Amino acid sequence: MVRILIADDHKLMREGLKLLFESQRGYIVVAEAEDGIEAVRLTLEHRPDVVLMDVGMPCLNGIEATRRIHEKAPESKVLALSMHTDRQFAQNMFRAGAAGYVLKGASFKELLEAVISVTSGRRYISHSVKEMLLDDYIDNLSQYSQAEKDPLSSREREVLQLLAEGKSNKEIAGILCVTVNTIDAHRKHISDKLGLKSIAELTKYAISHGITSVETRS
C-alpha cells in the first residue's frame, strides 16, 4: 500500500487528488495539508511514502517544506506539483531534495507514473520541464560559482517569504512562535546579507529567487 500525503492550499485540488488516488488499488491518502508548515508536521507524524507538494503555498513555501522533510524524513519522497514551468522553481525543488516535478496540467496517468517512479527510487520530471532543465544544464548548470549559493538560512528564507506576503513582524512572530525581537533580528540579518532595506526590494528578491510568488499560488 502506497501511503500519500497531499499538500496544497486549494481544498478542491486536495479532494480531487484524494478521490483519484483512492480509486486506484494499492493507494491511500493518509493526510492533507493546506500550507508548508502543516505539510512538514503531518509528514513527520504520518511518515508517508510520497508527499505531493504544491510548490507555492502560504506561510512556508513548498521549497522550504521540501528541504525540511528531506532533512527530517528522507524516506518520504517529495513529488512537486506546480503550474510553474520556470526553471527557477524546478531547480530549487530538486536542490531542496524533491524526487520529482510534475506540472499541474499533467494527466492523472502521468502523475501516477511519477508516483511509481519516486517510490521505486527513481526521479521523475515532466517532459517539458525536463527539456528546459536539460537546455539550462548545457548552457549554465555545469558550473556553479560560490556567489550563486543562497546566503540566507532556512529560517531567514521563511521570514522573508512571510514579509513578502505582507505579514507584519508581530504576525510573523505569532506564526513562528517566537518573539517580535527575534523577528526584528532576522529581518535585520536578511537586509544586511542581501543589502536590501525596503519591503519592495525584499519582495522583488523573494520572487526572483523562487521563495514566493506573492499570490502564493503554484
N, C-alpha and C. Protein backbone atom coordinates (compact mmCIF):
# COMPACT_ATOMS: atom_id res chain seq x y z
N MET A 1 0.84 -1.20 0.00
CA MET A 1 0.00 0.00 0.00
C MET A 1 0.88 1.25 0.00
N VAL A 2 0.71 2.11 -0.99
CA VAL A 2 1.46 3.36 -1.06
C VAL A 2 0.69 4.43 -0.29
N ARG A 3 1.34 5.00 0.71
CA ARG A 3 0.72 5.99 1.59
C ARG A 3 1.11 7.39 1.11
N ILE A 4 0.10 8.23 0.88
CA ILE A 4 0.31 9.54 0.26
C ILE A 4 -0.18 10.66 1.16
N LEU A 5 0.60 11.75 1.20
CA LEU A 5 0.17 12.99 1.84
C LEU A 5 0.03 14.04 0.75
N ILE A 6 -1.08 14.74 0.75
CA ILE A 6 -1.32 15.79 -0.25
C ILE A 6 -1.20 17.15 0.41
N ALA A 7 -0.27 17.97 -0.09
CA ALA A 7 -0.07 19.32 0.44
C ALA A 7 -0.39 20.33 -0.66
N ASP A 8 -1.51 21.03 -0.49
CA ASP A 8 -1.94 22.02 -1.48
C ASP A 8 -2.89 22.98 -0.79
N ASP A 9 -2.75 24.28 -1.08
CA ASP A 9 -3.62 25.25 -0.39
C ASP A 9 -5.00 25.37 -1.03
N HIS A 10 -5.27 24.61 -2.07
CA HIS A 10 -6.60 24.56 -2.66
C HIS A 10 -7.32 23.29 -2.20
N LYS A 11 -8.39 23.47 -1.46
CA LYS A 11 -9.13 22.32 -0.95
C LYS A 11 -9.66 21.44 -2.08
N LEU A 12 -10.14 22.08 -3.14
CA LEU A 12 -10.69 21.33 -4.28
C LEU A 12 -9.62 20.44 -4.91
N MET A 13 -8.41 20.94 -5.00
CA MET A 13 -7.29 20.16 -5.55
C MET A 13 -7.01 18.96 -4.66
N ARG A 14 -6.98 19.18 -3.35
CA ARG A 14 -6.71 18.08 -2.42
C ARG A 14 -7.78 17.01 -2.52
N GLU A 15 -9.03 17.45 -2.53
CA GLU A 15 -10.14 16.49 -2.57
C GLU A 15 -10.15 15.71 -3.88
N GLY A 16 -9.85 16.41 -4.99
CA GLY A 16 -9.82 15.73 -6.29
C GLY A 16 -8.73 14.68 -6.37
N LEU A 17 -7.54 15.03 -5.90
CA LEU A 17 -6.43 14.08 -5.91
C LEU A 17 -6.71 12.89 -5.00
N LYS A 18 -7.31 13.17 -3.86
CA LYS A 18 -7.62 12.07 -2.94
C LYS A 18 -8.58 11.07 -3.58
N LEU A 19 -9.61 11.58 -4.23
CA LEU A 19 -10.57 10.70 -4.91
C LEU A 19 -9.90 9.87 -6.00
N LEU A 20 -9.04 10.52 -6.77
CA LEU A 20 -8.37 9.82 -7.87
C LEU A 20 -7.44 8.72 -7.36
N PHE A 21 -6.64 9.03 -6.34
CA PHE A 21 -5.71 8.02 -5.83
C PHE A 21 -6.42 6.88 -5.12
N GLU A 22 -7.45 7.22 -4.36
CA GLU A 22 -8.13 6.15 -3.62
C GLU A 22 -9.05 5.32 -4.50
N SER A 23 -9.21 5.75 -5.76
CA SER A 23 -9.94 4.91 -6.72
C SER A 23 -9.03 3.85 -7.32
N GLN A 24 -7.71 3.99 -7.04
CA GLN A 24 -6.72 3.03 -7.54
C GLN A 24 -6.40 2.01 -6.44
N ARG A 25 -6.25 0.78 -6.81
CA ARG A 25 -5.89 -0.25 -5.84
C ARG A 25 -4.45 -0.03 -5.38
N GLY A 26 -4.25 -0.09 -4.08
CA GLY A 26 -2.90 -0.01 -3.53
C GLY A 26 -2.46 1.39 -3.13
N TYR A 27 -3.37 2.35 -3.11
CA TYR A 27 -3.03 3.72 -2.72
C TYR A 27 -3.99 4.23 -1.64
N ILE A 28 -3.45 4.96 -0.68
CA ILE A 28 -4.28 5.56 0.36
C ILE A 28 -3.71 6.94 0.72
N VAL A 29 -4.59 7.91 0.88
CA VAL A 29 -4.18 9.25 1.31
C VAL A 29 -4.28 9.29 2.83
N VAL A 30 -3.15 9.46 3.49
CA VAL A 30 -3.12 9.40 4.95
C VAL A 30 -3.29 10.76 5.61
N ALA A 31 -3.06 11.85 4.86
CA ALA A 31 -3.20 13.19 5.44
C ALA A 31 -3.25 14.24 4.35
N GLU A 32 -3.80 15.40 4.70
CA GLU A 32 -3.86 16.55 3.80
C GLU A 32 -3.36 17.78 4.53
N ALA A 33 -2.59 18.62 3.84
CA ALA A 33 -2.06 19.85 4.43
C ALA A 33 -2.38 21.03 3.53
N GLU A 34 -2.68 22.18 4.14
CA GLU A 34 -3.02 23.36 3.35
C GLU A 34 -1.93 24.41 3.33
N ASP A 35 -0.83 24.18 4.05
CA ASP A 35 0.32 25.08 3.95
C ASP A 35 1.59 24.29 4.24
N GLY A 36 2.73 24.93 4.01
CA GLY A 36 4.00 24.23 4.15
C GLY A 36 4.32 23.78 5.56
N ILE A 37 3.96 24.60 6.55
CA ILE A 37 4.22 24.25 7.94
C ILE A 37 3.47 22.98 8.31
N GLU A 38 2.19 22.93 7.91
CA GLU A 38 1.37 21.75 8.20
C GLU A 38 1.89 20.53 7.44
N ALA A 39 2.39 20.74 6.23
CA ALA A 39 2.93 19.63 5.44
C ALA A 39 4.11 18.97 6.14
N VAL A 40 4.99 19.79 6.70
CA VAL A 40 6.14 19.23 7.42
C VAL A 40 5.67 18.49 8.66
N ARG A 41 4.78 19.12 9.43
CA ARG A 41 4.30 18.50 10.67
C ARG A 41 3.61 17.16 10.41
N LEU A 42 2.73 17.14 9.42
CA LEU A 42 1.99 15.91 9.14
C LEU A 42 2.88 14.83 8.52
N THR A 43 3.90 15.24 7.77
CA THR A 43 4.84 14.26 7.24
C THR A 43 5.59 13.57 8.37
N LEU A 44 6.05 14.34 9.33
CA LEU A 44 6.76 13.76 10.47
C LEU A 44 5.84 12.89 11.32
N GLU A 45 4.57 13.23 11.34
CA GLU A 45 3.60 12.45 12.12
C GLU A 45 3.21 11.15 11.42
N HIS A 46 2.97 11.20 10.12
CA HIS A 46 2.44 10.04 9.40
C HIS A 46 3.50 9.25 8.62
N ARG A 47 4.64 9.86 8.32
CA ARG A 47 5.70 9.22 7.54
C ARG A 47 5.17 8.57 6.26
N PRO A 48 4.55 9.35 5.38
CA PRO A 48 4.00 8.78 4.14
C PRO A 48 5.12 8.35 3.20
N ASP A 49 4.77 7.53 2.22
CA ASP A 49 5.75 7.13 1.21
C ASP A 49 6.02 8.27 0.25
N VAL A 50 4.96 9.03 -0.07
CA VAL A 50 5.07 10.13 -1.03
C VAL A 50 4.34 11.35 -0.49
N VAL A 51 4.96 12.52 -0.65
CA VAL A 51 4.31 13.79 -0.35
C VAL A 51 4.11 14.52 -1.67
N LEU A 52 2.86 14.74 -2.05
CA LEU A 52 2.56 15.54 -3.24
C LEU A 52 2.58 16.99 -2.79
N MET A 53 3.60 17.73 -3.20
CA MET A 53 3.87 19.05 -2.64
C MET A 53 3.61 20.19 -3.63
N ASP A 54 2.59 20.99 -3.33
CA ASP A 54 2.36 22.22 -4.07
C ASP A 54 3.56 23.13 -3.85
N VAL A 55 4.11 23.69 -4.91
CA VAL A 55 5.33 24.50 -4.78
C VAL A 55 5.05 25.84 -4.10
N GLY A 56 3.96 26.50 -4.46
CA GLY A 56 3.69 27.83 -3.91
C GLY A 56 2.57 27.82 -2.90
N MET A 57 2.93 27.76 -1.61
CA MET A 57 1.92 27.75 -0.55
C MET A 57 2.20 28.88 0.44
N PRO A 58 1.17 29.31 1.18
CA PRO A 58 1.36 30.36 2.18
C PRO A 58 2.14 29.88 3.40
N CYS A 59 2.64 30.83 4.15
CA CYS A 59 3.36 30.59 5.42
C CYS A 59 4.74 29.97 5.22
N LEU A 60 4.78 28.83 4.57
CA LEU A 60 6.06 28.19 4.25
C LEU A 60 5.91 27.57 2.87
N ASN A 61 6.72 28.02 1.91
CA ASN A 61 6.53 27.54 0.54
C ASN A 61 6.96 26.08 0.39
N GLY A 62 6.59 25.50 -0.73
CA GLY A 62 6.88 24.09 -0.95
C GLY A 62 8.35 23.77 -1.01
N ILE A 63 9.17 24.74 -1.41
CA ILE A 63 10.61 24.51 -1.49
C ILE A 63 11.20 24.35 -0.09
N GLU A 64 10.84 25.27 0.82
CA GLU A 64 11.34 25.18 2.19
C GLU A 64 10.78 23.94 2.89
N ALA A 65 9.50 23.66 2.67
CA ALA A 65 8.89 22.48 3.28
C ALA A 65 9.59 21.21 2.80
N THR A 66 9.93 21.17 1.52
CA THR A 66 10.64 20.02 0.97
C THR A 66 12.01 19.86 1.60
N ARG A 67 12.70 20.98 1.76
CA ARG A 67 14.04 20.93 2.37
C ARG A 67 13.97 20.34 3.79
N ARG A 68 12.98 20.75 4.55
CA ARG A 68 12.86 20.26 5.93
C ARG A 68 12.45 18.79 5.97
N ILE A 69 11.55 18.40 5.06
CA ILE A 69 11.15 16.99 5.00
C ILE A 69 12.33 16.13 4.59
N HIS A 70 13.10 16.59 3.62
CA HIS A 70 14.26 15.83 3.15
C HIS A 70 15.28 15.65 4.28
N GLU A 71 15.40 16.65 5.14
CA GLU A 71 16.35 16.56 6.25
C GLU A 71 15.85 15.67 7.37
N LYS A 72 14.54 15.78 7.68
CA LYS A 72 14.00 15.11 8.86
C LYS A 72 13.31 13.77 8.56
N ALA A 73 12.83 13.61 7.34
CA ALA A 73 12.14 12.36 6.97
C ALA A 73 12.49 11.99 5.53
N PRO A 74 13.77 11.70 5.27
CA PRO A 74 14.22 11.44 3.89
C PRO A 74 13.55 10.24 3.23
N GLU A 75 12.97 9.36 4.05
CA GLU A 75 12.28 8.20 3.48
C GLU A 75 10.98 8.59 2.79
N SER A 76 10.44 9.76 3.11
CA SER A 76 9.23 10.26 2.45
C SER A 76 9.65 11.02 1.19
N LYS A 77 9.30 10.50 0.04
CA LYS A 77 9.70 11.11 -1.22
C LYS A 77 8.77 12.27 -1.58
N VAL A 78 9.35 13.41 -1.87
CA VAL A 78 8.55 14.59 -2.23
C VAL A 78 8.43 14.69 -3.74
N LEU A 79 7.19 14.78 -4.19
CA LEU A 79 6.90 14.95 -5.61
C LEU A 79 6.25 16.31 -5.77
N ALA A 80 6.95 17.23 -6.42
CA ALA A 80 6.45 18.60 -6.58
C ALA A 80 5.32 18.65 -7.59
N LEU A 81 4.30 19.44 -7.25
CA LEU A 81 3.20 19.72 -8.17
C LEU A 81 3.17 21.23 -8.38
N SER A 82 3.24 21.67 -9.63
CA SER A 82 3.29 23.11 -9.86
C SER A 82 2.76 23.49 -11.23
N MET A 83 2.25 24.73 -11.30
CA MET A 83 1.88 25.30 -12.59
C MET A 83 3.08 26.02 -13.20
N HIS A 84 4.16 26.17 -12.42
CA HIS A 84 5.33 26.90 -12.89
C HIS A 84 6.21 26.04 -13.80
N THR A 85 6.46 26.53 -14.99
CA THR A 85 7.45 25.89 -15.87
C THR A 85 8.78 26.64 -15.78
N ASP A 86 8.81 27.69 -14.98
CA ASP A 86 10.04 28.47 -14.79
C ASP A 86 11.12 27.58 -14.18
N ARG A 87 12.31 27.59 -14.78
CA ARG A 87 13.39 26.71 -14.33
C ARG A 87 13.78 26.98 -12.88
N GLN A 88 13.58 28.22 -12.40
CA GLN A 88 13.98 28.55 -11.03
C GLN A 88 13.26 27.68 -10.01
N PHE A 89 11.95 27.47 -10.23
CA PHE A 89 11.18 26.67 -9.29
C PHE A 89 11.59 25.20 -9.33
N ALA A 90 11.78 24.67 -10.52
CA ALA A 90 12.18 23.27 -10.65
C ALA A 90 13.56 23.05 -10.05
N GLN A 91 14.50 23.93 -10.36
CA GLN A 91 15.85 23.80 -9.82
C GLN A 91 15.83 23.85 -8.29
N ASN A 92 15.09 24.81 -7.74
CA ASN A 92 15.06 24.95 -6.29
C ASN A 92 14.41 23.75 -5.61
N MET A 93 13.40 23.17 -6.24
CA MET A 93 12.77 21.99 -5.65
C MET A 93 13.74 20.81 -5.62
N PHE A 94 14.48 20.60 -6.70
CA PHE A 94 15.43 19.48 -6.72
C PHE A 94 16.60 19.74 -5.77
N ARG A 95 17.04 20.98 -5.68
CA ARG A 95 18.10 21.30 -4.73
C ARG A 95 17.64 21.06 -3.29
N ALA A 96 16.35 21.27 -3.04
CA ALA A 96 15.80 21.08 -1.70
C ALA A 96 15.62 19.60 -1.36
N GLY A 97 15.69 18.73 -2.39
CA GLY A 97 15.58 17.30 -2.12
C GLY A 97 14.39 16.60 -2.73
N ALA A 98 13.64 17.30 -3.61
CA ALA A 98 12.49 16.66 -4.25
C ALA A 98 12.94 15.51 -5.14
N ALA A 99 12.10 14.51 -5.24
CA ALA A 99 12.40 13.35 -6.08
C ALA A 99 11.76 13.46 -7.45
N GLY A 100 10.83 14.41 -7.60
CA GLY A 100 10.17 14.56 -8.89
C GLY A 100 9.48 15.89 -9.01
N TYR A 101 9.13 16.26 -10.25
CA TYR A 101 8.49 17.55 -10.53
C TYR A 101 7.47 17.32 -11.63
N VAL A 102 6.21 17.54 -11.31
CA VAL A 102 5.12 17.31 -12.26
C VAL A 102 4.29 18.58 -12.39
N LEU A 103 3.96 18.96 -13.60
CA LEU A 103 3.12 20.12 -13.83
C LEU A 103 1.66 19.80 -13.52
N LYS A 104 0.95 20.78 -12.98
CA LYS A 104 -0.46 20.54 -12.63
C LYS A 104 -1.34 20.32 -13.85
N GLY A 105 -0.84 20.68 -15.01
CA GLY A 105 -1.59 20.44 -16.23
C GLY A 105 -1.45 19.02 -16.75
N ALA A 106 -0.64 18.20 -16.05
CA ALA A 106 -0.42 16.83 -16.49
C ALA A 106 -1.66 15.98 -16.24
N SER A 107 -1.73 14.86 -16.93
CA SER A 107 -2.84 13.93 -16.71
C SER A 107 -2.61 13.15 -15.43
N PHE A 108 -3.68 12.56 -14.91
CA PHE A 108 -3.53 11.72 -13.72
C PHE A 108 -2.67 10.50 -14.03
N LYS A 109 -2.74 10.03 -15.27
CA LYS A 109 -1.90 8.90 -15.68
C LYS A 109 -0.43 9.25 -15.50
N GLU A 110 -0.03 10.46 -15.90
CA GLU A 110 1.36 10.87 -15.73
C GLU A 110 1.71 11.02 -14.26
N LEU A 111 0.79 11.59 -13.47
CA LEU A 111 1.04 11.75 -12.04
C LEU A 111 1.23 10.39 -11.37
N LEU A 112 0.41 9.44 -11.77
CA LEU A 112 0.54 8.08 -11.22
C LEU A 112 1.89 7.47 -11.61
N GLU A 113 2.29 7.70 -12.85
CA GLU A 113 3.60 7.23 -13.31
C GLU A 113 4.72 7.86 -12.48
N ALA A 114 4.55 9.14 -12.16
CA ALA A 114 5.56 9.83 -11.35
C ALA A 114 5.64 9.24 -9.95
N VAL A 115 4.50 8.95 -9.36
CA VAL A 115 4.47 8.36 -8.01
C VAL A 115 5.15 6.99 -8.02
N ILE A 116 4.88 6.20 -9.03
CA ILE A 116 5.51 4.89 -9.15
C ILE A 116 7.02 5.04 -9.28
N SER A 117 7.46 6.03 -10.05
CA SER A 117 8.90 6.25 -10.24
C SER A 117 9.59 6.61 -8.94
N VAL A 118 9.04 7.58 -8.21
CA VAL A 118 9.73 8.03 -6.99
C VAL A 118 9.68 7.00 -5.89
N THR A 119 8.62 6.21 -5.83
CA THR A 119 8.56 5.15 -4.81
C THR A 119 9.49 3.99 -5.17
N SER A 120 9.92 3.95 -6.41
CA SER A 120 10.87 2.91 -6.85
C SER A 120 12.31 3.41 -6.75
N GLY A 121 12.49 4.61 -6.24
CA GLY A 121 13.83 5.15 -6.06
C GLY A 121 14.37 5.92 -7.25
N ARG A 122 13.50 6.19 -8.23
CA ARG A 122 13.93 6.96 -9.40
C ARG A 122 13.38 8.38 -9.34
N ARG A 123 13.97 9.28 -10.11
CA ARG A 123 13.46 10.64 -10.23
C ARG A 123 12.43 10.70 -11.35
N TYR A 124 11.58 11.70 -11.26
CA TYR A 124 10.62 11.90 -12.35
C TYR A 124 10.51 13.40 -12.62
N ILE A 125 10.57 13.75 -13.89
CA ILE A 125 10.42 15.15 -14.31
C ILE A 125 9.47 15.19 -15.50
N SER A 126 8.47 16.08 -15.44
CA SER A 126 7.57 16.26 -16.58
C SER A 126 8.39 16.56 -17.83
N HIS A 127 7.95 16.06 -18.95
CA HIS A 127 8.74 16.12 -20.18
C HIS A 127 9.13 17.54 -20.56
N SER A 128 8.18 18.48 -20.50
CA SER A 128 8.50 19.86 -20.89
C SER A 128 9.52 20.48 -19.94
N VAL A 129 9.41 20.13 -18.65
CA VAL A 129 10.37 20.65 -17.67
C VAL A 129 11.73 20.00 -17.87
N LYS A 130 11.74 18.73 -18.23
CA LYS A 130 12.99 18.01 -18.45
C LYS A 130 13.78 18.65 -19.59
N GLU A 131 13.09 18.98 -20.68
CA GLU A 131 13.76 19.61 -21.81
C GLU A 131 14.34 20.97 -21.42
N MET A 132 13.56 21.72 -20.65
CA MET A 132 14.01 23.04 -20.21
C MET A 132 15.25 22.93 -19.32
N LEU A 133 15.23 21.98 -18.39
CA LEU A 133 16.37 21.81 -17.48
C LEU A 133 17.60 21.30 -18.22
N LEU A 134 17.37 20.45 -19.21
CA LEU A 134 18.49 19.95 -19.99
C LEU A 134 19.16 21.09 -20.75
N ASP A 135 18.35 21.94 -21.37
CA ASP A 135 18.90 23.09 -22.09
C ASP A 135 19.67 24.00 -21.13
N ASP A 136 19.08 24.20 -19.96
CA ASP A 136 19.72 25.06 -18.97
C ASP A 136 21.02 24.45 -18.46
N TYR A 137 21.02 23.14 -18.30
CA TYR A 137 22.23 22.46 -17.84
C TYR A 137 23.36 22.63 -18.86
N ILE A 138 23.01 22.44 -20.12
CA ILE A 138 24.00 22.56 -21.18
C ILE A 138 24.58 23.98 -21.21
N ASP A 139 23.69 24.97 -21.00
CA ASP A 139 24.13 26.37 -21.09
C ASP A 139 24.82 26.86 -19.82
N ASN A 140 24.25 26.47 -18.67
CA ASN A 140 24.69 27.13 -17.43
C ASN A 140 25.02 26.23 -16.25
N LEU A 141 24.41 25.06 -16.14
CA LEU A 141 24.46 24.33 -14.88
C LEU A 141 25.69 23.45 -14.68
N SER A 142 26.55 23.39 -15.66
CA SER A 142 27.72 22.54 -15.50
C SER A 142 28.68 23.11 -14.46
N GLN A 143 28.56 24.43 -14.20
CA GLN A 143 29.44 25.07 -13.22
C GLN A 143 28.62 26.02 -12.36
N TYR A 144 28.80 25.90 -11.04
CA TYR A 144 28.17 26.83 -10.11
C TYR A 144 29.25 27.64 -9.43
N SER A 145 29.07 28.93 -9.35
CA SER A 145 30.03 29.76 -8.64
C SER A 145 29.62 29.85 -7.18
N GLN A 146 30.59 30.15 -6.33
CA GLN A 146 30.31 30.28 -4.91
C GLN A 146 29.29 31.38 -4.66
N ALA A 147 29.31 32.39 -5.51
CA ALA A 147 28.42 33.53 -5.31
C ALA A 147 26.97 33.17 -5.51
N GLU A 148 26.70 32.08 -6.25
CA GLU A 148 25.33 31.69 -6.53
C GLU A 148 24.66 30.99 -5.35
N LYS A 149 25.42 30.61 -4.36
CA LYS A 149 24.84 29.90 -3.22
C LYS A 149 23.96 30.85 -2.42
N ASP A 150 22.87 30.33 -1.90
CA ASP A 150 21.92 31.14 -1.15
C ASP A 150 22.56 31.64 0.14
N PRO A 151 22.60 32.96 0.34
CA PRO A 151 23.23 33.49 1.56
C PRO A 151 22.35 33.38 2.79
N LEU A 152 21.07 33.08 2.61
CA LEU A 152 20.13 33.06 3.73
C LEU A 152 19.98 31.67 4.35
N SER A 153 19.71 31.64 5.64
CA SER A 153 19.43 30.38 6.32
C SER A 153 17.99 29.97 6.05
N SER A 154 17.64 28.75 6.43
CA SER A 154 16.28 28.25 6.22
C SER A 154 15.27 29.14 6.94
N ARG A 155 15.54 29.52 8.18
CA ARG A 155 14.61 30.36 8.93
C ARG A 155 14.53 31.76 8.32
N GLU A 156 15.65 32.27 7.82
CA GLU A 156 15.62 33.59 7.19
C GLU A 156 14.79 33.58 5.90
N ARG A 157 14.87 32.49 5.14
CA ARG A 157 14.04 32.38 3.94
C ARG A 157 12.56 32.32 4.32
N GLU A 158 12.26 31.63 5.42
CA GLU A 158 10.89 31.54 5.89
C GLU A 158 10.36 32.92 6.29
N VAL A 159 11.15 33.67 7.03
CA VAL A 159 10.77 35.02 7.44
C VAL A 159 10.61 35.92 6.21
N LEU A 160 11.54 35.79 5.27
CA LEU A 160 11.47 36.60 4.05
C LEU A 160 10.19 36.33 3.27
N GLN A 161 9.80 35.07 3.18
CA GLN A 161 8.55 34.74 2.47
C GLN A 161 7.36 35.43 3.14
N LEU A 162 7.30 35.34 4.45
CA LEU A 162 6.17 35.93 5.17
C LEU A 162 6.17 37.46 5.05
N LEU A 163 7.35 38.07 5.07
CA LEU A 163 7.43 39.51 4.85
C LEU A 163 6.93 39.88 3.46
N ALA A 164 7.38 39.12 2.47
CA ALA A 164 6.97 39.39 1.09
C ALA A 164 5.47 39.19 0.89
N GLU A 165 4.87 38.32 1.71
CA GLU A 165 3.43 38.07 1.62
C GLU A 165 2.61 39.08 2.42
N GLY A 166 3.30 40.10 2.96
CA GLY A 166 2.58 41.20 3.60
C GLY A 166 2.37 41.06 5.09
N LYS A 167 2.99 40.08 5.72
CA LYS A 167 2.82 39.89 7.16
C LYS A 167 3.68 40.90 7.92
N SER A 168 3.15 41.38 9.05
CA SER A 168 3.91 42.26 9.92
C SER A 168 4.85 41.44 10.79
N ASN A 169 5.81 42.11 11.43
CA ASN A 169 6.73 41.40 12.32
C ASN A 169 5.97 40.69 13.44
N LYS A 170 4.93 41.34 13.95
CA LYS A 170 4.14 40.74 15.03
C LYS A 170 3.41 39.49 14.54
N GLU A 171 2.85 39.57 13.33
CA GLU A 171 2.14 38.42 12.77
C GLU A 171 3.10 37.25 12.52
N ILE A 172 4.29 37.57 12.02
CA ILE A 172 5.28 36.53 11.75
C ILE A 172 5.72 35.86 13.05
N ALA A 173 5.90 36.68 14.08
CA ALA A 173 6.28 36.13 15.39
C ALA A 173 5.24 35.15 15.89
N GLY A 174 3.96 35.48 15.69
CA GLY A 174 2.88 34.59 16.10
C GLY A 174 2.88 33.29 15.31
N ILE A 175 3.10 33.38 14.00
CA ILE A 175 3.11 32.18 13.14
C ILE A 175 4.26 31.25 13.51
N LEU A 176 5.42 31.83 13.79
CA LEU A 176 6.63 31.03 14.05
C LEU A 176 6.85 30.75 15.54
N CYS A 177 5.94 31.29 16.38
CA CYS A 177 6.01 31.06 17.83
C CYS A 177 7.33 31.55 18.43
N VAL A 178 7.73 32.76 18.03
CA VAL A 178 8.92 33.38 18.59
C VAL A 178 8.56 34.81 18.97
N THR A 179 9.51 35.54 19.56
CA THR A 179 9.24 36.92 19.96
C THR A 179 9.39 37.87 18.78
N VAL A 180 8.77 39.04 18.93
CA VAL A 180 8.90 40.07 17.90
C VAL A 180 10.37 40.50 17.77
N ASN A 181 11.09 40.54 18.90
CA ASN A 181 12.51 40.90 18.85
C ASN A 181 13.32 39.93 17.99
N THR A 182 12.94 38.65 18.06
CA THR A 182 13.63 37.64 17.24
C THR A 182 13.39 37.91 15.76
N ILE A 183 12.15 38.26 15.41
CA ILE A 183 11.84 38.56 14.02
C ILE A 183 12.55 39.84 13.58
N ASP A 184 12.60 40.82 14.46
CA ASP A 184 13.35 42.06 14.15
C ASP A 184 14.81 41.72 13.82
N ALA A 185 15.40 40.81 14.60
CA ALA A 185 16.79 40.43 14.38
C ALA A 185 16.95 39.69 13.05
N HIS A 186 16.02 38.77 12.75
CA HIS A 186 16.06 38.05 11.48
C HIS A 186 15.96 39.03 10.31
N ARG A 187 15.03 39.98 10.45
CA ARG A 187 14.82 40.94 9.36
C ARG A 187 16.08 41.77 9.12
N LYS A 188 16.75 42.16 10.20
CA LYS A 188 17.99 42.92 10.07
C LYS A 188 19.07 42.09 9.39
N HIS A 189 19.19 40.81 9.80
CA HIS A 189 20.19 39.93 9.20
C HIS A 189 19.93 39.74 7.70
N ILE A 190 18.64 39.58 7.36
CA ILE A 190 18.27 39.41 5.95
C ILE A 190 18.67 40.65 5.15
N SER A 191 18.32 41.81 5.67
CA SER A 191 18.63 43.07 4.98
C SER A 191 20.14 43.25 4.83
N ASP A 192 20.88 42.93 5.92
CA ASP A 192 22.34 43.10 5.88
C ASP A 192 22.97 42.14 4.87
N LYS A 193 22.52 40.88 4.85
CA LYS A 193 23.10 39.89 3.95
C LYS A 193 22.83 40.23 2.48
N LEU A 194 21.62 40.71 2.22
CA LEU A 194 21.22 40.97 0.83
C LEU A 194 21.51 42.39 0.38
N GLY A 195 21.78 43.27 1.34
CA GLY A 195 22.00 44.67 1.00
C GLY A 195 20.73 45.35 0.54
N LEU A 196 19.58 44.86 1.05
CA LEU A 196 18.28 45.40 0.66
C LEU A 196 17.55 45.87 1.91
N LYS A 197 16.94 47.04 1.85
CA LYS A 197 16.32 47.60 3.05
C LYS A 197 14.79 47.61 2.99
N SER A 198 14.23 47.99 1.86
CA SER A 198 12.78 48.17 1.79
C SER A 198 12.06 46.85 1.55
N ILE A 199 10.78 46.84 1.94
CA ILE A 199 9.94 45.67 1.70
C ILE A 199 9.82 45.40 0.21
N ALA A 200 9.74 46.47 -0.59
CA ALA A 200 9.63 46.30 -2.04
C ALA A 200 10.85 45.57 -2.60
N GLU A 201 12.03 45.95 -2.13
CA GLU A 201 13.27 45.30 -2.59
C GLU A 201 13.33 43.84 -2.14
N LEU A 202 12.94 43.60 -0.89
CA LEU A 202 12.96 42.24 -0.35
C LEU A 202 11.94 41.35 -1.08
N THR A 203 10.78 41.93 -1.39
CA THR A 203 9.75 41.17 -2.11
C THR A 203 10.22 40.82 -3.51
N LYS A 204 10.85 41.77 -4.18
CA LYS A 204 11.38 41.51 -5.53
C LYS A 204 12.42 40.39 -5.48
N TYR A 205 13.29 40.41 -4.47
CA TYR A 205 14.29 39.35 -4.31
C TYR A 205 13.61 38.00 -4.08
N ALA A 206 12.60 37.99 -3.20
CA ALA A 206 11.91 36.73 -2.88
C ALA A 206 11.26 36.13 -4.12
N ILE A 207 10.68 36.98 -4.96
CA ILE A 207 10.02 36.48 -6.18
C ILE A 207 11.06 35.96 -7.16
N SER A 208 12.12 36.72 -7.36
CA SER A 208 13.13 36.34 -8.37
C SER A 208 13.90 35.09 -7.98
N HIS A 209 13.93 34.76 -6.68
CA HIS A 209 14.65 33.58 -6.22
C HIS A 209 13.71 32.42 -5.86
N GLY A 210 12.46 32.51 -6.29
CA GLY A 210 11.52 31.41 -6.11
C GLY A 210 11.11 31.17 -4.67
N ILE A 211 11.27 32.15 -3.79
CA ILE A 211 10.88 32.00 -2.39
C ILE A 211 9.38 32.20 -2.24
N THR A 212 8.80 33.05 -3.05
CA THR A 212 7.36 33.26 -3.07
C THR A 212 6.96 33.74 -4.45
N SER A 213 5.69 33.55 -4.77
CA SER A 213 5.13 34.13 -5.98
C SER A 213 4.21 35.27 -5.62
N VAL A 214 4.21 35.67 -4.35
CA VAL A 214 3.37 36.72 -3.76
C VAL A 214 1.92 36.29 -3.68
N GLU A 215 1.37 35.82 -4.83
CA GLU A 215 -0.02 35.37 -4.82
C GLU A 215 -0.16 34.06 -4.05
N THR A 216 0.99 33.40 -3.72
CA THR A 216 1.03 32.11 -3.05
C THR A 216 0.20 31.08 -3.78
N ARG A 217 0.33 31.10 -5.09
CA ARG A 217 -0.34 30.09 -5.91
C ARG A 217 0.71 29.49 -6.82
N SER A 218 0.69 28.13 -6.96
CA SER A 218 1.63 27.50 -7.86
C SER A 218 0.94 27.00 -9.08
